[in-house]
Amino acid sequence: MSQGAGFGAVVALSRQAERKLVDALRRGGAFSEQTAVEINASKMIGVQALKRLHKAGVIGAAGDGRYWLNEETLSQLTVKRGGKAGWIVIVVLFVLVISLGVIASQVGA
């Protein structure tokens, strides 16, 4: 597996862990500090996903291992991540086109 593919797999697993966490909070109806639910990150999801979403403000901590979901912040993060992904795709395609052009010119020479 190439280094790029390995990185892509790590990102995919991270996003999957985040989705599992968000889904658990939604199922539990945890949308405020008062309705926060207990999450055992070590068993259910990656601890890093919990830390990442908490730092981003998507998940709030109510104490005693209880967390809640901030849907508005999650929506903003989703839009932000989608924008970054779009730029990454554009850059990768640009590099690919340039590389193919260089290869074609060398083959034709």
N, C-alpha and C. Protein backbone atom coordinates (compact mmCIF):
# COMPACT_ATOMS: atom_id res chain seq x y z
N MET A 1 0.85 -1.17 0.00
CA MET A 1 0.00 0.00 0.00
C MET A 1 0.89 1.23 0.00
N SER A 2 0.59 2.21 -0.84
CA SER A 2 1.40 3.42 -0.90
C SER A 2 1.17 4.27 0.33
N GLN A 3 2.07 5.23 0.52
CA GLN A 3 1.97 6.11 1.68
C GLN A 3 0.68 6.94 1.61
N GLY A 4 0.34 7.40 0.40
CA GLY A 4 -0.89 8.18 0.22
C GLY A 4 -2.13 7.36 0.53
N ALA A 5 -2.13 6.11 0.08
CA ALA A 5 -3.27 5.24 0.35
C ALA A 5 -3.39 4.95 1.84
N GLY A 6 -2.25 4.78 2.50
CA GLY A 6 -2.26 4.55 3.95
C GLY A 6 -2.84 5.74 4.69
N PHE A 7 -2.45 6.94 4.27
CA PHE A 7 -2.98 8.15 4.88
C PHE A 7 -4.48 8.24 4.65
N GLY A 8 -4.92 7.92 3.43
CA GLY A 8 -6.35 7.95 3.12
C GLY A 8 -7.13 6.99 3.99
N ALA A 9 -6.54 5.81 4.25
CA ALA A 9 -7.21 4.82 5.10
C ALA A 9 -7.34 5.34 6.53
N VAL A 10 -6.30 5.99 7.02
CA VAL A 10 -6.34 6.55 8.38
C VAL A 10 -7.42 7.62 8.48
N VAL A 11 -7.50 8.49 7.47
CA VAL A 11 -8.52 9.54 7.47
C VAL A 11 -9.92 8.92 7.44
N ALA A 12 -10.10 7.89 6.62
CA ALA A 12 -11.40 7.23 6.53
C ALA A 12 -11.80 6.61 7.86
N LEU A 13 -10.86 5.97 8.53
CA LEU A 13 -11.16 5.37 9.84
C LEU A 13 -11.47 6.44 10.88
N SER A 14 -10.77 7.57 10.81
CA SER A 14 -11.03 8.67 11.74
C SER A 14 -12.43 9.23 11.55
N ARG A 15 -12.82 9.42 10.29
CA ARG A 15 -14.16 9.93 10.00
C ARG A 15 -15.23 8.93 10.42
N GLN A 16 -14.95 7.65 10.24
CA GLN A 16 -15.90 6.62 10.66
C GLN A 16 -16.09 6.66 12.17
N ALA A 17 -15.01 6.82 12.92
CA ALA A 17 -15.11 6.90 14.38
C ALA A 17 -15.91 8.14 14.79
N GLU A 18 -15.70 9.25 14.08
CA GLU A 18 -16.46 10.47 14.37
C GLU A 18 -17.95 10.25 14.11
N ARG A 19 -18.27 9.60 12.98
CA ARG A 19 -19.69 9.34 12.67
C ARG A 19 -20.34 8.46 13.73
N LYS A 20 -19.63 7.45 14.20
CA LYS A 20 -20.17 6.57 15.24
C LYS A 20 -20.47 7.36 16.51
N LEU A 21 -19.58 8.24 16.86
CA LEU A 21 -19.77 9.05 18.05
C LEU A 21 -20.98 9.98 17.89
N VAL A 22 -21.04 10.66 16.76
CA VAL A 22 -22.16 11.57 16.48
C VAL A 22 -23.48 10.80 16.48
N ASP A 23 -23.49 9.64 15.85
CA ASP A 23 -24.71 8.82 15.82
C ASP A 23 -25.15 8.40 17.22
N ALA A 24 -24.19 8.03 18.06
CA ALA A 24 -24.52 7.63 19.43
C ALA A 24 -25.13 8.78 20.21
N LEU A 25 -24.59 9.97 20.03
CA LEU A 25 -25.13 11.14 20.73
C LEU A 25 -26.52 11.49 20.21
N ARG A 26 -26.72 11.37 18.91
CA ARG A 26 -28.06 11.62 18.35
C ARG A 26 -29.07 10.61 18.87
N ARG A 27 -28.69 9.32 18.85
CA ARG A 27 -29.61 8.28 19.34
C ARG A 27 -29.97 8.51 20.81
N GLY A 28 -29.01 9.03 21.57
CA GLY A 28 -29.26 9.28 22.99
C GLY A 28 -29.99 10.58 23.26
N GLY A 29 -30.23 11.37 22.20
CA GLY A 29 -30.92 12.65 22.38
C GLY A 29 -30.08 13.67 23.11
N ALA A 30 -28.77 13.57 23.00
CA ALA A 30 -27.84 14.44 23.73
C ALA A 30 -27.53 15.69 22.92
N PHE A 31 -28.40 16.70 23.06
CA PHE A 31 -28.24 17.93 22.30
C PHE A 31 -28.00 19.15 23.17
N SER A 32 -27.82 18.94 24.46
CA SER A 32 -27.50 20.03 25.38
C SER A 32 -26.80 19.44 26.60
N GLU A 33 -26.27 20.30 27.41
CA GLU A 33 -25.59 19.83 28.62
C GLU A 33 -26.56 19.07 29.54
N GLN A 34 -27.81 19.49 29.54
CA GLN A 34 -28.81 18.86 30.40
C GLN A 34 -29.18 17.45 29.91
N THR A 35 -29.07 17.22 28.60
CA THR A 35 -29.45 15.91 28.06
C THR A 35 -28.23 15.06 27.68
N ALA A 36 -27.06 15.47 28.15
CA ALA A 36 -25.82 14.76 27.81
C ALA A 36 -25.89 13.30 28.23
N VAL A 37 -25.21 12.46 27.46
CA VAL A 37 -25.19 11.02 27.74
C VAL A 37 -23.75 10.57 27.96
N GLU A 38 -23.62 9.45 28.63
CA GLU A 38 -22.31 8.89 28.90
C GLU A 38 -21.76 8.20 27.66
N ILE A 39 -20.52 8.45 27.37
CA ILE A 39 -19.84 7.83 26.24
C ILE A 39 -18.56 7.21 26.76
N ASN A 40 -18.39 5.94 26.47
CA ASN A 40 -17.16 5.25 26.83
C ASN A 40 -16.31 5.16 25.56
N ALA A 41 -15.49 6.17 25.34
CA ALA A 41 -14.75 6.28 24.08
C ALA A 41 -13.79 5.13 23.87
N SER A 42 -13.23 4.59 24.92
CA SER A 42 -12.25 3.53 24.73
C SER A 42 -12.88 2.26 24.17
N LYS A 43 -14.17 2.05 24.42
CA LYS A 43 -14.84 0.85 23.90
C LYS A 43 -15.55 1.13 22.58
N MET A 44 -16.18 2.28 22.45
CA MET A 44 -17.05 2.52 21.31
C MET A 44 -16.34 3.16 20.12
N ILE A 45 -15.50 4.12 20.38
CA ILE A 45 -14.86 4.87 19.30
C ILE A 45 -13.44 5.20 19.69
N GLY A 46 -12.72 5.76 18.75
CA GLY A 46 -11.37 6.20 19.05
C GLY A 46 -11.38 7.41 19.97
N VAL A 47 -10.50 7.39 20.93
CA VAL A 47 -10.38 8.51 21.87
C VAL A 47 -9.98 9.77 21.11
N GLN A 48 -9.18 9.61 20.07
CA GLN A 48 -8.74 10.77 19.30
C GLN A 48 -9.91 11.47 18.60
N ALA A 49 -10.87 10.70 18.12
CA ALA A 49 -12.04 11.29 17.48
C ALA A 49 -12.82 12.13 18.48
N LEU A 50 -12.97 11.63 19.68
CA LEU A 50 -13.66 12.37 20.73
C LEU A 50 -12.92 13.67 21.04
N LYS A 51 -11.61 13.59 21.20
CA LYS A 51 -10.81 14.78 21.48
C LYS A 51 -10.90 15.80 20.34
N ARG A 52 -10.82 15.30 19.10
CA ARG A 52 -10.85 16.17 17.93
C ARG A 52 -12.19 16.92 17.85
N LEU A 53 -13.29 16.20 18.02
CA LEU A 53 -14.61 16.84 17.94
C LEU A 53 -14.87 17.76 19.12
N HIS A 54 -14.35 17.41 20.29
CA HIS A 54 -14.50 18.28 21.45
C HIS A 54 -13.73 19.58 21.24
N LYS A 55 -12.51 19.48 20.75
CA LYS A 55 -11.68 20.66 20.49
C LYS A 55 -12.34 21.57 19.45
N ALA A 56 -13.00 20.96 18.46
CA ALA A 56 -13.67 21.73 17.41
C ALA A 56 -14.99 22.34 17.88
N GLY A 57 -15.45 21.97 19.08
CA GLY A 57 -16.70 22.51 19.61
C GLY A 57 -17.93 21.75 19.15
N VAL A 58 -17.72 20.65 18.46
CA VAL A 58 -18.84 19.83 17.98
C VAL A 58 -19.46 19.06 19.14
N ILE A 59 -18.61 18.65 20.07
CA ILE A 59 -19.07 17.90 21.24
C ILE A 59 -18.74 18.71 22.49
N GLY A 60 -19.74 18.82 23.35
CA GLY A 60 -19.55 19.49 24.62
C GLY A 60 -19.45 18.45 25.73
N ALA A 61 -18.64 18.76 26.74
CA ALA A 61 -18.49 17.86 27.88
C ALA A 61 -19.31 18.39 29.05
N ALA A 62 -20.16 17.52 29.59
CA ALA A 62 -21.00 17.90 30.73
C ALA A 62 -20.39 17.43 32.04
N GLY A 63 -19.33 16.66 31.99
CA GLY A 63 -18.69 16.11 33.18
C GLY A 63 -19.10 14.67 33.40
N ASP A 64 -18.32 13.97 34.22
CA ASP A 64 -18.58 12.57 34.55
C ASP A 64 -18.69 11.66 33.32
N GLY A 65 -17.92 11.98 32.26
CA GLY A 65 -17.95 11.15 31.07
C GLY A 65 -19.18 11.33 30.21
N ARG A 66 -19.95 12.38 30.47
CA ARG A 66 -21.16 12.65 29.68
C ARG A 66 -20.87 13.75 28.66
N TYR A 67 -21.40 13.54 27.45
CA TYR A 67 -21.16 14.46 26.35
C TYR A 67 -22.46 14.77 25.61
N TRP A 68 -22.44 15.88 24.89
CA TRP A 68 -23.59 16.27 24.09
C TRP A 68 -23.12 16.82 22.75
N LEU A 69 -24.03 16.81 21.77
CA LEU A 69 -23.72 17.18 20.39
C LEU A 69 -24.21 18.58 20.08
N ASN A 70 -23.34 19.40 19.51
CA ASN A 70 -23.71 20.72 19.03
C ASN A 70 -23.91 20.60 17.51
N GLU A 71 -25.16 20.43 17.10
CA GLU A 71 -25.48 20.19 15.68
C GLU A 71 -25.07 21.36 14.79
N GLU A 72 -25.20 22.58 15.28
CA GLU A 72 -24.85 23.75 14.46
C GLU A 72 -23.35 23.77 14.15
N THR A 73 -22.54 23.50 15.16
CA THR A 73 -21.10 23.46 14.95
C THR A 73 -20.71 22.29 14.06
N LEU A 74 -21.39 21.15 14.21
CA LEU A 74 -21.14 20.00 13.35
C LEU A 74 -21.42 20.36 11.90
N SER A 75 -22.52 21.05 11.65
CA SER A 75 -22.87 21.46 10.30
C SER A 75 -21.80 22.38 9.70
N GLN A 76 -21.32 23.32 10.49
CA GLN A 76 -20.27 24.23 10.03
C GLN A 76 -18.98 23.48 9.73
N LEU A 77 -18.63 22.52 10.57
CA LEU A 77 -17.42 21.74 10.36
C LEU A 77 -17.54 20.89 9.09
N THR A 78 -18.71 20.34 8.86
CA THR A 78 -18.94 19.53 7.67
C THR A 78 -18.75 20.36 6.40
N VAL A 79 -19.28 21.57 6.39
CA VAL A 79 -19.13 22.46 5.24
C VAL A 79 -17.66 22.83 5.06
N LYS A 80 -16.99 23.14 6.15
CA LYS A 80 -15.57 23.51 6.09
C LYS A 80 -14.72 22.36 5.55
N ARG A 81 -14.96 21.17 6.04
CA ARG A 81 -14.20 20.00 5.57
C ARG A 81 -14.49 19.71 4.11
N GLY A 82 -15.74 19.89 3.69
CA GLY A 82 -16.08 19.67 2.29
C GLY A 82 -15.35 20.63 1.38
N GLY A 83 -15.20 21.87 1.80
CA GLY A 83 -14.46 22.86 1.01
C GLY A 83 -13.00 22.49 0.87
N LYS A 84 -12.39 22.03 1.96
CA LYS A 84 -10.99 21.62 1.91
C LYS A 84 -10.81 20.43 0.98
N ALA A 85 -11.73 19.49 1.06
CA ALA A 85 -11.63 18.30 0.21
C ALA A 85 -11.71 18.69 -1.26
N GLY A 86 -12.54 19.64 -1.58
CA GLY A 86 -12.66 20.10 -2.96
C GLY A 86 -11.35 20.68 -3.48
N TRP A 87 -10.69 21.49 -2.65
CA TRP A 87 -9.41 22.07 -3.06
C TRP A 87 -8.34 21.00 -3.20
N ILE A 88 -8.35 20.03 -2.34
CA ILE A 88 -7.36 18.95 -2.43
C ILE A 88 -7.53 18.19 -3.74
N VAL A 89 -8.76 17.91 -4.11
CA VAL A 89 -9.03 17.20 -5.37
C VAL A 89 -8.53 18.03 -6.55
N ILE A 90 -8.78 19.33 -6.53
CA ILE A 90 -8.34 20.20 -7.62
C ILE A 90 -6.82 20.19 -7.74
N VAL A 91 -6.13 20.30 -6.62
CA VAL A 91 -4.66 20.30 -6.64
C VAL A 91 -4.12 18.97 -7.15
N VAL A 92 -4.68 17.86 -6.67
CA VAL A 92 -4.23 16.55 -7.11
C VAL A 92 -4.45 16.38 -8.62
N LEU A 93 -5.61 16.79 -9.10
CA LEU A 93 -5.87 16.69 -10.55
C LEU A 93 -4.92 17.56 -11.35
N PHE A 94 -4.62 18.75 -10.85
CA PHE A 94 -3.68 19.64 -11.53
C PHE A 94 -2.30 19.00 -11.63
N VAL A 95 -1.82 18.43 -10.53
CA VAL A 95 -0.52 17.76 -10.52
C VAL A 95 -0.53 16.57 -11.48
N LEU A 96 -1.62 15.84 -11.50
CA LEU A 96 -1.74 14.68 -12.39
C LEU A 96 -1.68 15.10 -13.86
N VAL A 97 -2.39 16.16 -14.21
CA VAL A 97 -2.39 16.65 -15.59
C VAL A 97 -0.99 17.11 -15.99
N ILE A 98 -0.32 17.84 -15.13
CA ILE A 98 1.04 18.29 -15.41
C ILE A 98 1.97 17.09 -15.59
N SER A 99 1.86 16.11 -14.70
CA SER A 99 2.70 14.92 -14.78
C SER A 99 2.48 14.17 -16.08
N LEU A 100 1.22 14.02 -16.47
CA LEU A 100 0.92 13.34 -17.73
C LEU A 100 1.46 14.11 -18.92
N GLY A 101 1.41 15.42 -18.85
CA GLY A 101 1.96 16.26 -19.92
C GLY A 101 3.46 16.07 -20.04
N VAL A 102 4.17 16.03 -18.92
CA VAL A 102 5.62 15.82 -18.92
C VAL A 102 5.95 14.44 -19.48
N ILE A 103 5.22 13.43 -19.06
CA ILE A 103 5.46 12.06 -19.53
C ILE A 103 5.20 11.99 -21.04
N ALA A 104 4.13 12.59 -21.51
CA ALA A 104 3.80 12.57 -22.93
C ALA A 104 4.87 13.26 -23.76
N SER A 105 5.40 14.36 -23.25
CA SER A 105 6.43 15.09 -24.00
C SER A 105 7.72 14.29 -24.06
N GLN A 106 8.03 13.52 -23.02
CA GLN A 106 9.24 12.71 -23.02
C GLN A 106 9.09 11.50 -23.94
N VAL A 107 7.92 10.94 -24.01
CA VAL A 107 7.66 9.79 -24.88
C VAL A 107 7.73 10.23 -26.34
N GLY A 108 7.21 11.39 -26.63
CA GLY A 108 7.19 11.91 -28.00
C GLY A 108 8.55 12.40 -28.47
N ALA A 109 9.45 12.67 -27.57
CA ALA A 109 10.76 13.23 -27.94
C ALA A 109 11.72 12.21 -28.49
